[in-house]
N, C-alpha and C. Protein backbone atom coordinates (compact mmCIF):
# COMPACT_ATOMS: atom_id res chain seq x y z
N UNK A 1 122.64 161.49 179.64
CA UNK A 1 122.29 161.81 180.99
C UNK A 1 123.25 162.85 181.52
N UNK A 2 122.75 163.92 181.92
CA UNK A 2 123.54 165.05 182.37
C UNK A 2 123.99 164.80 183.81
N UNK A 3 125.32 164.82 184.03
CA UNK A 3 125.84 164.53 185.38
C UNK A 3 125.39 165.61 186.37
N UNK A 4 125.22 166.86 185.92
CA UNK A 4 124.71 167.89 186.82
C UNK A 4 123.31 167.56 187.29
N UNK A 5 122.51 167.07 186.38
CA UNK A 5 121.16 166.67 186.75
C UNK A 5 121.20 165.51 187.74
N UNK A 6 122.08 164.54 187.48
CA UNK A 6 122.23 163.42 188.41
C UNK A 6 122.69 163.93 189.77
N UNK A 7 123.68 164.81 189.75
CA UNK A 7 124.18 165.37 191.02
C UNK A 7 123.08 166.14 191.75
N UNK A 8 122.35 166.95 191.01
CA UNK A 8 121.30 167.74 191.67
C UNK A 8 120.19 166.84 192.21
N UNK A 9 119.87 165.77 191.48
CA UNK A 9 118.86 164.83 191.98
C UNK A 9 119.34 164.17 193.28
N UNK A 10 120.60 163.76 193.29
CA UNK A 10 121.11 163.10 194.49
C UNK A 10 121.20 164.08 195.64
N UNK A 11 121.52 165.33 195.35
CA UNK A 11 121.54 166.34 196.42
C UNK A 11 120.14 166.57 196.97
N UNK A 12 119.13 166.48 196.11
CA UNK A 12 117.74 166.60 196.57
C UNK A 12 117.37 165.40 197.45
N UNK A 13 117.83 164.20 197.04
CA UNK A 13 117.60 163.00 197.86
C UNK A 13 118.27 163.20 199.22
N UNK A 14 119.49 163.70 199.20
CA UNK A 14 120.23 163.95 200.44
C UNK A 14 119.47 164.92 201.34
N UNK A 15 118.81 165.89 200.71
CA UNK A 15 118.06 166.89 201.47
C UNK A 15 116.72 166.37 201.98
N UNK A 16 116.38 165.13 201.65
CA UNK A 16 115.16 164.54 202.18
C UNK A 16 114.07 164.25 201.16
N UNK A 17 114.29 164.62 199.91
CA UNK A 17 113.30 164.33 198.87
C UNK A 17 113.59 162.95 198.27
N UNK A 18 113.35 161.92 199.08
CA UNK A 18 113.69 160.56 198.70
C UNK A 18 112.95 160.06 197.46
N UNK A 19 111.85 160.65 197.13
CA UNK A 19 111.11 160.23 195.93
C UNK A 19 111.92 160.48 194.65
N UNK A 20 112.90 161.37 194.71
CA UNK A 20 113.76 161.64 193.55
C UNK A 20 114.66 160.45 193.23
N UNK A 21 114.81 159.53 194.18
CA UNK A 21 115.62 158.34 193.95
C UNK A 21 115.02 157.50 192.82
N UNK A 22 113.71 157.58 192.62
CA UNK A 22 113.06 156.85 191.53
C UNK A 22 113.60 157.24 190.16
N UNK A 23 113.89 158.53 189.98
CA UNK A 23 114.45 158.99 188.71
C UNK A 23 115.86 158.43 188.50
N UNK A 24 116.64 158.41 189.55
CA UNK A 24 117.99 157.85 189.45
C UNK A 24 117.93 156.35 189.20
N UNK A 25 116.95 155.69 189.83
CA UNK A 25 116.78 154.25 189.58
C UNK A 25 116.46 154.01 188.11
N UNK A 26 115.55 154.79 187.56
CA UNK A 26 115.18 154.63 186.15
C UNK A 26 116.39 154.80 185.23
N UNK A 27 117.26 155.70 185.57
CA UNK A 27 118.44 155.96 184.74
C UNK A 27 119.51 154.90 184.88
N UNK A 28 119.68 154.36 186.06
CA UNK A 28 120.88 153.57 186.33
C UNK A 28 120.65 152.10 186.69
N UNK A 29 119.41 151.64 186.78
CA UNK A 29 119.27 150.23 187.16
C UNK A 29 119.78 149.29 186.09
N UNK A 30 119.60 149.62 184.82
CA UNK A 30 120.11 148.73 183.75
C UNK A 30 121.63 148.73 183.67
N UNK A 31 122.27 149.91 183.69
CA UNK A 31 123.74 149.88 183.69
C UNK A 31 124.33 149.15 184.90
N UNK A 32 123.70 149.32 186.07
CA UNK A 32 124.18 148.60 187.26
C UNK A 32 123.97 147.10 187.11
N UNK A 33 122.82 146.71 186.56
CA UNK A 33 122.57 145.29 186.33
C UNK A 33 123.64 144.72 185.42
N UNK A 34 123.95 145.42 184.35
CA UNK A 34 124.99 144.95 183.41
C UNK A 34 126.34 144.85 184.11
N UNK A 35 126.67 145.84 184.93
CA UNK A 35 127.93 145.81 185.68
C UNK A 35 128.00 144.55 186.55
N UNK A 36 126.95 144.29 187.30
CA UNK A 36 126.96 143.12 188.19
C UNK A 36 126.90 141.82 187.40
N UNK A 37 126.12 141.81 186.33
CA UNK A 37 126.01 140.56 185.57
C UNK A 37 127.35 140.19 184.95
N UNK A 38 128.06 141.16 184.44
CA UNK A 38 129.36 140.88 183.84
C UNK A 38 130.37 140.43 184.88
N UNK A 39 130.11 140.73 186.12
CA UNK A 39 130.99 140.29 187.20
C UNK A 39 130.60 138.93 187.75
N UNK A 40 129.30 138.65 187.77
CA UNK A 40 128.83 137.43 188.43
C UNK A 40 128.22 136.40 187.50
N UNK A 41 127.73 136.83 186.33
CA UNK A 41 127.04 135.95 185.38
C UNK A 41 125.79 135.32 186.00
N UNK A 42 125.16 136.01 186.93
CA UNK A 42 123.96 135.50 187.58
C UNK A 42 122.92 136.62 187.61
N UNK A 43 121.86 136.43 186.83
CA UNK A 43 120.85 137.48 186.70
C UNK A 43 120.13 137.77 188.01
N UNK A 44 119.76 136.73 188.73
CA UNK A 44 119.03 136.92 189.99
C UNK A 44 119.90 137.65 191.01
N UNK A 45 121.13 137.22 191.15
CA UNK A 45 122.05 137.88 192.09
C UNK A 45 122.30 139.32 191.66
N UNK A 46 122.41 139.55 190.36
CA UNK A 46 122.65 140.90 189.85
C UNK A 46 121.50 141.84 190.19
N UNK A 47 120.27 141.34 190.07
CA UNK A 47 119.10 142.15 190.44
C UNK A 47 119.14 142.51 191.92
N UNK A 48 119.50 141.53 192.75
CA UNK A 48 119.60 141.79 194.19
C UNK A 48 120.69 142.81 194.50
N UNK A 49 121.80 142.71 193.80
CA UNK A 49 122.91 143.64 194.03
C UNK A 49 122.53 145.06 193.62
N UNK A 50 121.76 145.19 192.54
CA UNK A 50 121.29 146.52 192.12
C UNK A 50 120.43 147.12 193.24
N UNK A 51 119.54 146.31 193.79
CA UNK A 51 118.70 146.79 194.89
C UNK A 51 119.54 147.21 196.09
N UNK A 52 120.60 146.45 196.36
CA UNK A 52 121.48 146.79 197.48
C UNK A 52 122.18 148.13 197.26
N UNK A 53 122.57 148.40 196.00
CA UNK A 53 123.22 149.68 195.71
C UNK A 53 122.26 150.83 195.99
N UNK A 54 121.02 150.72 195.54
CA UNK A 54 120.07 151.80 195.77
C UNK A 54 119.71 151.93 197.25
N UNK A 55 119.68 150.83 197.94
CA UNK A 55 119.48 150.88 199.40
C UNK A 55 120.63 151.65 200.06
N UNK A 56 121.86 151.32 199.64
CA UNK A 56 123.02 152.01 200.22
C UNK A 56 123.06 153.48 199.83
N UNK A 57 122.57 153.80 198.62
CA UNK A 57 122.51 155.21 198.23
C UNK A 57 121.63 155.99 199.21
N UNK A 58 120.52 155.38 199.58
CA UNK A 58 119.64 156.03 200.55
C UNK A 58 120.29 156.08 201.94
N UNK A 59 120.86 154.96 202.33
CA UNK A 59 121.45 154.87 203.66
C UNK A 59 122.63 155.82 203.82
N UNK A 60 123.45 155.94 202.78
CA UNK A 60 124.66 156.77 202.86
C UNK A 60 124.56 158.06 202.06
N UNK A 61 123.34 158.53 201.85
CA UNK A 61 123.16 159.75 201.06
C UNK A 61 123.87 160.95 201.68
N UNK A 62 124.07 160.90 202.98
CA UNK A 62 124.77 162.00 203.65
C UNK A 62 126.23 162.10 203.21
N UNK A 63 126.79 161.05 202.62
CA UNK A 63 128.19 161.08 202.18
C UNK A 63 128.36 161.70 200.80
N UNK A 64 127.27 161.88 200.07
CA UNK A 64 127.36 162.47 198.73
C UNK A 64 127.51 163.98 198.87
N UNK A 65 128.60 164.50 198.32
CA UNK A 65 128.86 165.94 198.47
C UNK A 65 128.43 166.74 197.25
N UNK A 66 128.34 166.08 196.10
CA UNK A 66 127.99 166.78 194.88
C UNK A 66 129.19 167.36 194.16
N UNK A 67 130.37 167.22 194.75
CA UNK A 67 131.57 167.77 194.12
C UNK A 67 132.05 166.91 192.97
N UNK A 68 132.01 165.62 193.12
CA UNK A 68 132.39 164.70 192.04
C UNK A 68 131.16 164.30 191.24
N UNK A 69 131.36 163.41 190.29
CA UNK A 69 130.23 162.94 189.49
C UNK A 69 129.43 161.89 190.24
N UNK A 70 128.14 161.94 190.09
CA UNK A 70 127.25 160.97 190.73
C UNK A 70 127.61 159.55 190.32
N UNK A 71 127.87 159.33 189.02
CA UNK A 71 128.17 157.97 188.54
C UNK A 71 129.39 157.39 189.23
N UNK A 72 130.39 158.19 189.47
CA UNK A 72 131.60 157.71 190.14
C UNK A 72 131.26 157.27 191.56
N UNK A 73 130.48 158.08 192.27
CA UNK A 73 130.05 157.74 193.63
C UNK A 73 129.21 156.46 193.61
N UNK A 74 128.29 156.36 192.64
CA UNK A 74 127.42 155.20 192.54
C UNK A 74 128.23 153.93 192.29
N UNK A 75 129.20 153.99 191.37
CA UNK A 75 130.01 152.79 191.09
C UNK A 75 130.94 152.46 192.25
N UNK A 76 131.31 153.44 193.03
CA UNK A 76 132.08 153.16 194.25
C UNK A 76 131.22 152.31 195.19
N UNK A 77 129.98 152.71 195.36
CA UNK A 77 129.06 151.91 196.18
C UNK A 77 128.85 150.52 195.58
N UNK A 78 128.70 150.47 194.25
CA UNK A 78 128.48 149.19 193.57
C UNK A 78 129.66 148.24 193.77
N UNK A 79 130.87 148.77 193.69
CA UNK A 79 132.05 147.93 193.92
C UNK A 79 132.06 147.40 195.34
N UNK A 80 131.67 148.22 196.31
CA UNK A 80 131.61 147.76 197.70
C UNK A 80 130.55 146.68 197.88
N UNK A 81 129.40 146.87 197.24
CA UNK A 81 128.33 145.87 197.32
C UNK A 81 128.82 144.55 196.73
N UNK A 82 129.50 144.62 195.59
CA UNK A 82 130.03 143.42 194.93
C UNK A 82 131.06 142.73 195.82
N UNK A 83 131.94 143.50 196.42
CA UNK A 83 132.96 142.92 197.30
C UNK A 83 132.31 142.26 198.52
N UNK A 84 131.31 142.90 199.08
CA UNK A 84 130.59 142.32 200.23
C UNK A 84 129.90 141.02 199.83
N UNK A 85 129.28 141.01 198.66
CA UNK A 85 128.60 139.80 198.19
C UNK A 85 129.60 138.68 197.94
N UNK A 86 130.76 139.02 197.42
CA UNK A 86 131.79 138.00 197.16
C UNK A 86 132.28 137.40 198.47
N UNK A 87 132.42 138.23 199.48
CA UNK A 87 132.84 137.72 200.79
C UNK A 87 131.78 136.80 201.39
N UNK A 88 130.51 137.17 201.21
CA UNK A 88 129.42 136.35 201.76
C UNK A 88 129.28 135.04 201.01
N UNK A 89 129.36 135.10 199.71
CA UNK A 89 129.10 133.92 198.87
C UNK A 89 130.39 133.47 198.21
N UNK A 90 131.30 132.95 198.95
CA UNK A 90 132.58 132.58 198.37
C UNK A 90 132.45 131.58 197.23
N UNK A 91 131.35 130.89 197.18
CA UNK A 91 131.12 129.97 196.07
C UNK A 91 130.86 130.78 194.80
N UNK A 92 131.30 130.29 193.68
CA UNK A 92 131.08 131.02 192.43
C UNK A 92 129.62 130.95 192.03
N UNK A 93 129.16 132.03 191.41
CA UNK A 93 127.77 132.13 191.01
C UNK A 93 127.59 131.44 189.66
N UNK A 94 126.44 130.76 189.47
CA UNK A 94 126.22 130.00 188.25
C UNK A 94 125.78 130.89 187.09
N UNK A 95 125.98 130.39 185.89
CA UNK A 95 125.62 131.12 184.68
C UNK A 95 124.15 130.87 184.33
N UNK A 96 123.53 131.88 183.77
CA UNK A 96 122.17 131.72 183.27
C UNK A 96 122.17 131.96 181.79
N UNK A 97 121.04 131.72 181.18
CA UNK A 97 120.91 131.88 179.75
C UNK A 97 121.24 133.32 179.34
N UNK A 98 122.02 133.47 178.29
CA UNK A 98 122.44 134.78 177.79
C UNK A 98 121.22 135.64 177.45
N UNK A 99 120.17 135.04 176.97
CA UNK A 99 118.98 135.81 176.58
C UNK A 99 118.37 136.53 177.77
N UNK A 100 118.46 135.94 178.97
CA UNK A 100 117.90 136.57 180.16
C UNK A 100 118.54 137.93 180.42
N UNK A 101 119.87 137.96 180.43
CA UNK A 101 120.51 139.24 180.74
C UNK A 101 120.50 140.18 179.57
N UNK A 102 120.53 139.69 178.35
CA UNK A 102 120.45 140.57 177.19
C UNK A 102 119.12 141.32 177.20
N UNK A 103 118.06 140.62 177.58
CA UNK A 103 116.73 141.24 177.66
C UNK A 103 116.70 142.30 178.75
N UNK A 104 117.31 142.02 179.89
CA UNK A 104 117.35 142.99 180.99
C UNK A 104 118.07 144.26 180.57
N UNK A 105 119.22 144.09 179.92
CA UNK A 105 120.02 145.25 179.52
C UNK A 105 119.29 146.05 178.46
N UNK A 106 118.65 145.37 177.52
CA UNK A 106 117.94 146.05 176.44
C UNK A 106 116.66 146.71 176.95
N UNK A 107 116.12 146.20 178.03
CA UNK A 107 114.94 146.81 178.61
C UNK A 107 113.64 146.25 178.08
N UNK A 108 113.68 145.16 177.39
CA UNK A 108 112.47 144.57 176.88
C UNK A 108 112.77 143.25 176.22
N UNK A 109 111.74 142.61 175.67
CA UNK A 109 111.96 141.33 175.02
C UNK A 109 112.98 141.46 173.89
N UNK A 110 113.86 140.50 173.83
CA UNK A 110 114.88 140.50 172.79
C UNK A 110 114.24 140.20 171.44
N UNK A 111 114.70 140.92 170.44
CA UNK A 111 114.24 140.64 169.09
C UNK A 111 114.85 139.32 168.67
N UNK A 112 114.15 138.60 167.78
CA UNK A 112 114.70 137.34 167.31
C UNK A 112 115.99 137.61 166.55
N UNK A 113 117.10 137.25 167.15
CA UNK A 113 118.40 137.42 166.53
C UNK A 113 118.82 136.13 165.90
N UNK A 114 119.87 136.22 165.17
CA UNK A 114 120.36 135.02 164.51
C UNK A 114 121.02 134.11 165.53
N UNK A 115 121.08 132.86 165.22
CA UNK A 115 121.73 131.88 166.08
C UNK A 115 123.20 132.24 166.25
N UNK A 116 123.81 132.73 165.18
CA UNK A 116 125.22 133.11 165.23
C UNK A 116 125.47 134.22 166.25
N UNK A 117 124.59 135.21 166.30
CA UNK A 117 124.75 136.29 167.27
C UNK A 117 124.66 135.76 168.70
N UNK A 118 123.74 134.86 168.93
CA UNK A 118 123.59 134.28 170.26
C UNK A 118 124.82 133.47 170.63
N UNK A 119 125.36 132.74 169.66
CA UNK A 119 126.56 131.96 169.92
C UNK A 119 127.76 132.87 170.18
N UNK A 120 127.87 133.95 169.41
CA UNK A 120 128.96 134.90 169.61
C UNK A 120 128.86 135.55 170.99
N UNK A 121 127.66 135.90 171.38
CA UNK A 121 127.45 136.52 172.68
C UNK A 121 127.79 135.54 173.80
N UNK A 122 127.39 134.29 173.64
CA UNK A 122 127.72 133.27 174.64
C UNK A 122 129.23 133.06 174.72
N UNK A 123 129.88 133.08 173.58
CA UNK A 123 131.33 132.93 173.55
C UNK A 123 132.02 134.11 174.23
N UNK A 124 131.52 135.30 173.97
CA UNK A 124 132.08 136.49 174.62
C UNK A 124 131.87 136.41 176.14
N UNK A 125 130.72 135.94 176.55
CA UNK A 125 130.44 135.79 177.98
C UNK A 125 131.42 134.80 178.61
N UNK A 126 131.68 133.70 177.92
CA UNK A 126 132.63 132.71 178.44
C UNK A 126 134.03 133.30 178.52
N UNK A 127 134.40 134.09 177.51
CA UNK A 127 135.72 134.72 177.50
C UNK A 127 135.84 135.72 178.65
N UNK A 128 134.79 136.52 178.87
CA UNK A 128 134.80 137.50 179.98
C UNK A 128 134.94 136.78 181.32
N UNK A 129 134.30 135.63 181.45
CA UNK A 129 134.34 134.88 182.71
C UNK A 129 135.75 134.37 183.01
N UNK A 130 136.55 134.22 181.98
CA UNK A 130 137.92 133.72 182.17
C UNK A 130 138.92 134.82 182.51
N UNK A 131 138.50 136.05 182.45
CA UNK A 131 139.38 137.15 182.83
C UNK A 131 139.44 137.24 184.35
N UNK A 132 140.48 137.86 184.85
CA UNK A 132 140.56 138.08 186.29
C UNK A 132 139.47 139.11 186.67
N UNK A 133 139.04 139.12 187.91
CA UNK A 133 138.03 140.11 188.31
C UNK A 133 138.46 141.56 188.03
N UNK A 134 139.75 141.85 188.22
CA UNK A 134 140.24 143.21 187.94
C UNK A 134 140.14 143.56 186.47
N UNK A 135 140.52 142.61 185.60
CA UNK A 135 140.43 142.85 184.16
C UNK A 135 138.97 143.02 183.73
N UNK A 136 138.12 142.15 184.24
CA UNK A 136 136.70 142.21 183.90
C UNK A 136 136.11 143.54 184.34
N UNK A 137 136.47 143.97 185.55
CA UNK A 137 135.93 145.22 186.09
C UNK A 137 136.32 146.41 185.22
N UNK A 138 137.59 146.52 184.84
CA UNK A 138 138.02 147.68 184.07
C UNK A 138 137.38 147.68 182.68
N UNK A 139 137.17 146.50 182.09
CA UNK A 139 136.49 146.45 180.79
C UNK A 139 135.02 146.80 180.91
N UNK A 140 134.37 146.30 181.93
CA UNK A 140 132.95 146.61 182.12
C UNK A 140 132.77 148.10 182.34
N UNK A 141 133.60 148.68 183.18
CA UNK A 141 133.47 150.11 183.47
C UNK A 141 133.79 150.98 182.25
N UNK A 142 134.84 150.63 181.51
CA UNK A 142 135.25 151.48 180.38
C UNK A 142 134.46 151.22 179.12
N UNK A 143 134.24 149.98 178.78
CA UNK A 143 133.60 149.67 177.50
C UNK A 143 132.08 149.55 177.59
N UNK A 144 131.59 148.91 178.63
CA UNK A 144 130.15 148.68 178.71
C UNK A 144 129.41 149.79 179.47
N UNK A 145 130.03 150.29 180.54
CA UNK A 145 129.39 151.37 181.29
C UNK A 145 129.80 152.74 180.76
N UNK A 146 130.79 152.74 179.88
CA UNK A 146 131.26 153.95 179.19
C UNK A 146 131.71 155.05 180.16
N UNK A 147 132.33 154.65 181.25
CA UNK A 147 132.92 155.64 182.14
C UNK A 147 134.21 156.15 181.51
N UNK A 148 134.53 157.39 181.76
CA UNK A 148 135.78 157.96 181.26
C UNK A 148 136.93 157.42 182.10
N UNK A 149 138.11 157.40 181.50
CA UNK A 149 139.28 156.91 182.22
C UNK A 149 139.52 157.70 183.50
N UNK A 150 139.24 158.98 183.48
CA UNK A 150 139.42 159.81 184.67
C UNK A 150 138.49 159.34 185.79
N UNK A 151 137.25 159.00 185.44
CA UNK A 151 136.29 158.52 186.44
C UNK A 151 136.74 157.18 187.01
N UNK A 152 137.23 156.30 186.13
CA UNK A 152 137.68 154.98 186.58
C UNK A 152 138.91 155.13 187.48
N UNK A 153 139.81 156.04 187.10
CA UNK A 153 141.01 156.27 187.91
C UNK A 153 140.62 156.73 189.31
N UNK A 154 139.65 157.63 189.39
CA UNK A 154 139.18 158.11 190.70
C UNK A 154 138.55 156.97 191.48
N UNK A 155 137.76 156.15 190.79
CA UNK A 155 137.07 155.03 191.42
C UNK A 155 138.04 153.99 191.95
N UNK A 156 139.09 153.70 191.17
CA UNK A 156 140.06 152.67 191.54
C UNK A 156 141.24 153.23 192.33
N UNK A 157 141.22 154.55 192.56
CA UNK A 157 142.27 155.22 193.31
C UNK A 157 143.65 154.99 192.66
N UNK A 158 143.72 155.29 191.37
CA UNK A 158 144.95 155.14 190.61
C UNK A 158 145.06 156.26 189.59
N UNK A 159 146.03 156.19 188.73
CA UNK A 159 146.22 157.24 187.73
C UNK A 159 145.47 156.89 186.44
N UNK A 160 145.24 157.90 185.63
CA UNK A 160 144.59 157.70 184.34
C UNK A 160 145.45 156.80 183.47
N UNK A 161 146.75 157.01 183.49
CA UNK A 161 147.67 156.19 182.71
C UNK A 161 147.58 154.72 183.09
N UNK A 162 147.49 154.45 184.38
CA UNK A 162 147.38 153.06 184.85
C UNK A 162 146.07 152.43 184.38
N UNK A 163 145.00 153.21 184.37
CA UNK A 163 143.71 152.69 183.90
C UNK A 163 143.78 152.37 182.41
N UNK A 164 144.41 153.25 181.64
CA UNK A 164 144.55 153.01 180.20
C UNK A 164 145.33 151.73 179.94
N UNK A 165 146.40 151.55 180.67
CA UNK A 165 147.22 150.34 180.51
C UNK A 165 146.41 149.10 180.89
N UNK A 166 145.71 149.16 182.02
CA UNK A 166 144.89 148.02 182.47
C UNK A 166 143.81 147.69 181.43
N UNK A 167 143.15 148.72 180.92
CA UNK A 167 142.09 148.49 179.93
C UNK A 167 142.66 147.89 178.66
N UNK A 168 143.78 148.39 178.21
CA UNK A 168 144.40 147.86 176.99
C UNK A 168 144.82 146.39 177.18
N UNK A 169 145.47 146.11 178.29
CA UNK A 169 145.90 144.73 178.56
C UNK A 169 144.72 143.79 178.71
N UNK A 170 143.68 144.26 179.39
CA UNK A 170 142.49 143.43 179.58
C UNK A 170 141.81 143.15 178.24
N UNK A 171 141.74 144.16 177.38
CA UNK A 171 141.13 143.98 176.06
C UNK A 171 141.95 143.00 175.21
N UNK A 172 143.26 143.12 175.26
CA UNK A 172 144.12 142.19 174.52
C UNK A 172 143.94 140.76 175.03
N UNK A 173 143.88 140.62 176.35
CA UNK A 173 143.69 139.29 176.93
C UNK A 173 142.31 138.73 176.56
N UNK A 174 141.29 139.58 176.58
CA UNK A 174 139.95 139.15 176.20
C UNK A 174 139.94 138.66 174.75
N UNK A 175 140.59 139.39 173.87
CA UNK A 175 140.65 138.98 172.46
C UNK A 175 141.33 137.63 172.32
N UNK A 176 142.45 137.44 173.03
CA UNK A 176 143.15 136.15 172.97
C UNK A 176 142.26 135.00 173.45
N UNK A 177 141.63 135.21 174.58
CA UNK A 177 140.76 134.17 175.14
C UNK A 177 139.59 133.89 174.20
N UNK A 178 138.99 134.95 173.68
CA UNK A 178 137.84 134.80 172.78
C UNK A 178 138.23 133.97 171.55
N UNK A 179 139.35 134.33 170.91
CA UNK A 179 139.75 133.62 169.70
C UNK A 179 140.16 132.18 169.99
N UNK A 180 140.74 131.92 171.15
CA UNK A 180 141.06 130.53 171.53
C UNK A 180 139.78 129.73 171.71
N UNK A 181 138.80 130.34 172.38
CA UNK A 181 137.51 129.65 172.56
C UNK A 181 136.82 129.44 171.22
N UNK A 182 136.87 130.46 170.37
CA UNK A 182 136.23 130.37 169.06
C UNK A 182 136.88 129.28 168.21
N UNK A 183 138.20 129.23 168.20
CA UNK A 183 138.89 128.19 167.43
C UNK A 183 138.64 126.82 168.00
N UNK A 184 138.54 126.71 169.31
CA UNK A 184 138.23 125.44 169.94
C UNK A 184 136.85 124.93 169.59
N UNK A 185 135.88 125.85 169.47
CA UNK A 185 134.52 125.43 169.11
C UNK A 185 134.43 125.05 167.64
N UNK A 186 135.23 125.72 166.79
CA UNK A 186 135.23 125.36 165.37
C UNK A 186 135.83 124.00 165.15
N UNK A 187 136.86 123.65 165.92
CA UNK A 187 137.49 122.34 165.79
C UNK A 187 136.50 121.27 166.19
N UNK A 188 135.70 121.50 167.24
CA UNK A 188 134.71 120.53 167.68
C UNK A 188 133.61 120.34 166.64
N UNK A 189 133.29 121.39 165.89
CA UNK A 189 132.23 121.30 164.87
C UNK A 189 132.64 120.41 163.72
N UNK A 190 133.93 120.35 163.44
CA UNK A 190 134.43 119.53 162.32
C UNK A 190 134.40 118.12 162.67
């Protein structure tokens, strides 16, 4: 996805061609869903949050200048939507079946995978849930949303070096948690 094309589409939306928002929705609704799902582990809430981001894009289209990357601006809005939702729903959101969100991210019915893959994915989801929100956010943005460190630094209002350190520490912590969970499940199987 060409960021210039994204920027030009959003500039057209800003100029009043709101129908162009449909193209941006097609490009970014799945990545946004994944971002929210990895933060909340709730498919229904994640779908609602995606809709809120696109609503805010329309509402605040006048703030998009086209100077930075569209994705950075979009994730800035997404972070605000997530923070607002967290303030509203201080209760933690419940987990849903891994297959539900895997299908959403893939964009269609999941192929019959092995039981082991499903178990590994569930274990990874549990490990991600045990990370702090900051650690989870930096991993989702860097590894799953594939944002560049420079984009994340701009989004988080920090330096590229700080983002690299946060991502590395979060990944190390995720690995530790994952292997502890994995070893715990193997002990129970015996």
